[in-house]
Amino acid sequence: MPVVTYLEAIRQGIWEEMERDPSVFCLGQDIGIYGGAFKVTDGFIDRFGAERVIDTPIAESAIVGAAFGAALTGLRPVAEFQFMDFIGCAFNQIVNMAAKSHYRWGAPAPLVLRGPSGGNVHGGPFHSQNPEMKTRGQTERSLFFQPSPAFVTN
């Protein structure tokens, strides 16, 4: 098996799932034409189209709300935060809606929320935080955090 970067592994995994399952789609800020802040979705819009690779405004709560709503209808959204520092803007959707939907009314909500965290990208005070502990203890969700972009790009 060839050695790939963490970012390339994420890219390949999402690509493979989008090839395999037409209900999988991506949404997030600058993920379409630009290809994402770290180019994980570069070329996706050309292959899968604008219906499955959706550029959104800078509105984390709306991104998660749209992903959650889509998941409730049977779609499989992969929502990208440009930087995980802004996950707090979407806490109501994550903690009070998506994390409790199965418990509250038995509704599965299969969705992925992904994005980079950590320092060494020279992003200043708003692009270098590690918000992992803010999400601990929430119901029905598994959270996995990738290493910092410095680790991923070296």
C-alpha atoms as a PDB file:
ATOM      1  CA  MET A   1       0.000   0.000   0.000  1.00  0.00           C
ATOM      2  CA  PRO A   2       1.478   3.386  -0.938  1.00  0.00           C
ATOM      3  CA  VAL A   3       2.187   5.947   1.766  1.00  0.00           C
ATOM      4  CA  VAL A   4      -0.182   8.924   1.541  1.00  0.00           C
ATOM      5  CA  THR A   5      -0.672  12.031   3.639  1.00  0.00           C
ATOM      6  CA  TYR A   6      -3.506  12.237   6.106  1.00  0.00           C
ATOM      7  CA  LEU A   7      -5.258  14.751   3.853  1.00  0.00           C
ATOM      8  CA  GLU A   8      -4.934  12.477   0.828  1.00  0.00           C
ATOM      9  CA  ALA A   9      -6.367   9.571   2.809  1.00  0.00           C
ATOM     10  CA  ILE A  10      -9.382  11.691   3.779  1.00  0.00           C
ATOM     11  CA  ARG A  11      -9.752  12.818   0.165  1.00  0.00           C
ATOM     12  CA  GLN A  12      -9.604   9.257  -1.146  1.00  0.00           C
ATOM     13  CA  GLY A  13     -12.108   8.035   1.429  1.00  0.00           C
ATOM     14  CA  ILE A  14     -14.663  10.703   0.603  1.00  0.00           C
ATOM     15  CA  TRP A  15     -14.110  10.231  -3.148  1.00  0.00           C
ATOM     16  CA  GLU A  16     -14.587   6.460  -2.865  1.00  0.00           C
ATOM     17  CA  GLU A  17     -17.807   6.857  -0.893  1.00  0.00           C
ATOM     18  CA  MET A  18     -19.155   9.400  -3.383  1.00  0.00           C
ATOM     19  CA  GLU A  19     -18.346   6.993  -6.224  1.00  0.00           C
ATOM     20  CA  ARG A  20     -19.998   4.099  -4.380  1.00  0.00           C
ATOM     21  CA  ASP A  21     -23.083   5.826  -2.981  1.00  0.00           C
ATOM     22  CA  PRO A  22     -24.988   8.582  -4.835  1.00  0.00           C
ATOM     23  CA  SER A  23     -26.574   9.745  -1.569  1.00  0.00           C
ATOM     24  CA  VAL A  24     -23.192  10.972  -0.273  1.00  0.00           C
ATOM     25  CA  PHE A  25     -22.551  14.649  -0.896  1.00  0.00           C
ATOM     26  CA  CYS A  26     -20.258  17.375   0.436  1.00  0.00           C
ATOM     27  CA  LEU A  27     -21.089  20.849   1.628  1.00  0.00           C
ATOM     28  CA  GLY A  28     -19.016  23.607   3.133  1.00  0.00           C
ATOM     29  CA  GLN A  29     -17.265  26.856   2.641  1.00  0.00           C
ATOM     30  CA  ASP A  30     -15.040  27.029  -0.471  1.00  0.00           C
ATOM     31  CA  ILE A  31     -15.122  23.263  -1.084  1.00  0.00           C
ATOM     32  CA  GLY A  32     -16.370  23.390  -4.673  1.00  0.00           C
ATOM     33  CA  ILE A  33     -14.530  25.589  -7.128  1.00  0.00           C
ATOM     34  CA  TYR A  34     -11.677  26.353  -4.718  1.00  0.00           C
ATOM     35  CA  GLY A  35     -11.344  22.742  -3.555  1.00  0.00           C
ATOM     36  CA  GLY A  36     -11.292  23.455   0.168  1.00  0.00           C
ATOM     37  CA  ALA A  37      -8.836  25.259   2.425  1.00  0.00           C
ATOM     38  CA  PHE A  38      -6.448  22.287   2.336  1.00  0.00           C
ATOM     39  CA  LYS A  39      -7.535  21.003  -1.115  1.00  0.00           C
ATOM     40  CA  VAL A  40      -9.256  17.872   0.175  1.00  0.00           C
ATOM     41  CA  THR A  41     -12.154  18.378  -2.255  1.00  0.00           C
ATOM     42  CA  ASP A  42     -10.087  19.656  -5.177  1.00  0.00           C
ATOM     43  CA  GLY A  43     -11.587  18.282  -8.403  1.00  0.00           C
ATOM     44  CA  PHE A  44     -14.718  16.939  -6.705  1.00  0.00           C
ATOM     45  CA  ILE A  45     -17.016  19.486  -8.315  1.00  0.00           C
ATOM     46  CA  ASP A  46     -15.731  18.537 -11.776  1.00  0.00           C
ATOM     47  CA  ARG A  47     -16.350  14.831 -11.134  1.00  0.00           C
ATOM     48  CA  PHE A  48     -19.538  14.888  -9.056  1.00  0.00           C
ATOM     49  CA  GLY A  49     -21.164  18.208 -10.020  1.00  0.00           C
ATOM     50  CA  ALA A  50     -22.471  21.191  -8.095  1.00  0.00           C
ATOM     51  CA  GLU A  51     -25.473  19.190  -6.855  1.00  0.00           C
ATOM     52  CA  ARG A  52     -23.186  16.963  -4.778  1.00  0.00           C
ATOM     53  CA  VAL A  53     -20.373  19.420  -3.971  1.00  0.00           C
ATOM     54  CA  ILE A  54     -22.077  22.459  -2.506  1.00  0.00           C
ATOM     55  CA  ASP A  55     -20.301  25.712  -1.694  1.00  0.00           C
ATOM     56  CA  THR A  56     -21.912  27.435   1.280  1.00  0.00           C
ATOM     57  CA  PRO A  57     -21.640  30.865   2.880  1.00  0.00           C
ATOM     58  CA  ILE A  58     -19.625  31.363   6.057  1.00  0.00           C
ATOM     59  CA  ALA A  59     -22.418  30.085   8.282  1.00  0.00           C
ATOM     60  CA  GLU A  60     -21.399  27.073  10.330  1.00  0.00           C
ATOM     61  CA  SER A  61     -24.785  26.673  12.004  1.00  0.00           C
ATOM     62  CA  ALA A  62     -26.497  26.654   8.609  1.00  0.00           C
ATOM     63  CA  ILE A  63     -23.982  24.142   7.233  1.00  0.00           C
ATOM     64  CA  VAL A  64     -24.623  21.727  10.097  1.00  0.00           C
ATOM     65  CA  GLY A  65     -28.376  22.391  10.022  1.00  0.00           C
ATOM     66  CA  ALA A  66     -28.520  21.616   6.299  1.00  0.00           C
ATOM     67  CA  ALA A  67     -26.400  18.488   6.778  1.00  0.00           C
ATOM     68  CA  PHE A  68     -28.597  17.308   9.643  1.00  0.00           C
ATOM     69  CA  GLY A  69     -31.779  17.917   7.673  1.00  0.00           C
ATOM     70  CA  ALA A  70     -30.374  16.088   4.667  1.00  0.00           C
ATOM     71  CA  ALA A  71     -29.331  13.152   6.873  1.00  0.00           C
ATOM     72  CA  LEU A  72     -32.869  12.897   8.233  1.00  0.00           C
ATOM     73  CA  THR A  73     -34.140  12.440   4.665  1.00  0.00           C
ATOM     74  CA  GLY A  74     -31.728   9.566   3.957  1.00  0.00           C
ATOM     75  CA  LEU A  75     -28.859  11.461   2.363  1.00  0.00           C
ATOM     76  CA  ARG A  76     -25.279  11.082   3.613  1.00  0.00           C
ATOM     77  CA  PRO A  77     -23.744  14.549   4.041  1.00  0.00           C
ATOM     78  CA  VAL A  78     -20.071  15.264   4.630  1.00  0.00           C
ATOM     79  CA  ALA A  79     -19.966  18.802   6.023  1.00  0.00           C
ATOM     80  CA  GLU A  80     -16.671  20.640   6.170  1.00  0.00           C
ATOM     81  CA  PHE A  81     -15.690  23.371   8.568  1.00  0.00           C
ATOM     82  CA  GLN A  82     -12.945  25.427   7.004  1.00  0.00           C
ATOM     83  CA  PHE A  83     -11.375  25.507  10.474  1.00  0.00           C
ATOM     84  CA  MET A  84     -12.711  23.684  13.534  1.00  0.00           C
ATOM     85  CA  ASP A  85     -12.277  26.830  15.600  1.00  0.00           C
ATOM     86  CA  PHE A  86     -15.769  27.782  14.460  1.00  0.00           C
ATOM     87  CA  ILE A  87     -17.515  24.594  15.582  1.00  0.00           C
ATOM     88  CA  GLY A  88     -18.928  26.591  18.484  1.00  0.00           C
ATOM     89  CA  CYS A  89     -21.076  28.552  16.038  1.00  0.00           C
ATOM     90  CA  ALA A  90     -22.889  25.282  15.260  1.00  0.00           C
ATOM     91  CA  PHE A  91     -23.191  23.842  18.772  1.00  0.00           C
ATOM     92  CA  ASN A  92     -26.971  24.169  18.929  1.00  0.00           C
ATOM     93  CA  GLN A  93     -27.359  22.124  15.761  1.00  0.00           C
ATOM     94  CA  ILE A  94     -24.743  19.577  16.858  1.00  0.00           C
ATOM     95  CA  VAL A  95     -25.535  19.197  20.549  1.00  0.00           C
ATOM     96  CA  ASN A  96     -29.283  19.826  20.725  1.00  0.00           C
ATOM     97  CA  MET A  97     -30.392  18.470  17.358  1.00  0.00           C
ATOM     98  CA  ALA A  98     -28.070  15.984  15.612  1.00  0.00           C
ATOM     99  CA  ALA A  99     -26.642  14.400  18.756  1.00  0.00           C
ATOM    100  CA  LYS A 100     -30.065  13.744  20.242  1.00  0.00           C
ATOM    101  CA  SER A 101     -32.245  12.866  17.251  1.00  0.00           C
ATOM    102  CA  HIS A 102     -31.948   9.103  17.716  1.00  0.00           C
ATOM    103  CA  TYR A 103     -32.520   9.316  21.462  1.00  0.00           C
ATOM    104  CA  ARG A 104     -35.413  11.773  21.205  1.00  0.00           C
ATOM    105  CA  TRP A 105     -37.451  10.275  18.386  1.00  0.00           C
ATOM    106  CA  GLY A 106     -35.518   7.331  16.963  1.00  0.00           C
ATOM    107  CA  ALA A 107     -34.398   9.179  13.851  1.00  0.00           C
ATOM    108  CA  PRO A 108     -30.973   8.193  12.512  1.00  0.00           C
ATOM    109  CA  ALA A 109     -28.888  11.115  11.281  1.00  0.00           C
ATOM    110  CA  PRO A 110     -25.779   9.729   9.569  1.00  0.00           C
ATOM    111  CA  LEU A 111     -23.581  12.721   8.919  1.00  0.00           C
ATOM    112  CA  VAL A 112     -19.906  13.606   8.967  1.00  0.00           C
ATOM    113  CA  LEU A 113     -18.597  16.913  10.304  1.00  0.00           C
ATOM    114  CA  ARG A 114     -14.959  17.420   9.418  1.00  0.00           C
ATOM    115  CA  GLY A 115     -12.325  20.109   9.458  1.00  0.00           C
ATOM    116  CA  PRO A 116      -8.774  20.931  10.490  1.00  0.00           C
ATOM    117  CA  SER A 117      -7.693  21.999  13.949  1.00  0.00           C
ATOM    118  CA  GLY A 118      -4.435  22.929  15.586  1.00  0.00           C
ATOM    119  CA  GLY A 119      -1.571  25.259  14.925  1.00  0.00           C
ATOM    120  CA  ASN A 120       1.346  25.684  12.581  1.00  0.00           C
ATOM    121  CA  VAL A 121      -0.674  27.079   9.687  1.00  0.00           C
ATOM    122  CA  HIS A 122       0.124  30.669  10.713  1.00  0.00           C
ATOM    123  CA  GLY A 123      -3.596  31.300  11.035  1.00  0.00           C
ATOM    124  CA  GLY A 124      -3.490  33.582  14.021  1.00  0.00           C
ATOM    125  CA  PRO A 125      -5.890  33.438  16.950  1.00  0.00           C
ATOM    126  CA  PHE A 126      -8.927  32.226  14.973  1.00  0.00           C
ATOM    127  CA  HIS A 127      -7.457  29.356  12.974  1.00  0.00           C
ATOM    128  CA  SER A 128      -5.206  27.552  15.434  1.00  0.00           C
ATOM    129  CA  GLN A 129      -7.415  26.225  18.226  1.00  0.00           C
ATOM    130  CA  ASN A 130      -8.026  22.648  19.307  1.00  0.00           C
ATOM    131  CA  PRO A 131     -11.730  22.456  20.229  1.00  0.00           C
ATOM    132  CA  GLU A 132     -11.829  18.728  21.001  1.00  0.00           C
ATOM    133  CA  MET A 133     -12.784  19.062  24.653  1.00  0.00           C
ATOM    134  CA  LYS A 134     -15.754  21.285  23.804  1.00  0.00           C
ATOM    135  CA  THR A 135     -17.469  18.317  22.198  1.00  0.00           C
ATOM    136  CA  ARG A 136     -16.877  15.635  24.846  1.00  0.00           C
ATOM    137  CA  GLY A 137     -19.839  14.132  26.623  1.00  0.00           C
ATOM    138  CA  GLN A 138     -22.448  14.615  23.913  1.00  0.00           C
ATOM    139  CA  THR A 139     -24.928  11.821  23.287  1.00  0.00           C
ATOM    140  CA  GLU A 140     -24.971   9.399  20.359  1.00  0.00           C
ATOM    141  CA  ARG A 141     -21.982  10.826  18.505  1.00  0.00           C
ATOM    142  CA  SER A 142     -18.518   9.529  17.818  1.00  0.00           C
ATOM    143  CA  LEU A 143     -15.914  12.205  17.352  1.00  0.00           C
ATOM    144  CA  PHE A 144     -12.537  11.677  15.768  1.00  0.00           C
ATOM    145  CA  PHE A 145      -9.969  14.414  15.440  1.00  0.00           C
ATOM    146  CA  GLN A 146      -7.142  14.479  12.985  1.00  0.00           C
ATOM    147  CA  PRO A 147      -3.677  15.706  13.833  1.00  0.00           C
ATOM    148  CA  SER A 148      -2.794  19.317  13.181  1.00  0.00           C
ATOM    149  CA  PRO A 149      -2.290  20.479   9.572  1.00  0.00           C
ATOM    150  CA  ALA A 150       1.444  20.647  10.294  1.00  0.00           C
ATOM    151  CA  PHE A 151       1.470  16.894  10.847  1.00  0.00           C
ATOM    152  CA  VAL A 152      -0.730  16.284   7.812  1.00  0.00           C
ATOM    153  CA  THR A 153       1.297  18.294   5.313  1.00  0.00           C
ATOM    154  CA  ASN A 154       4.777  17.129   6.362  1.00  0.00           C
END
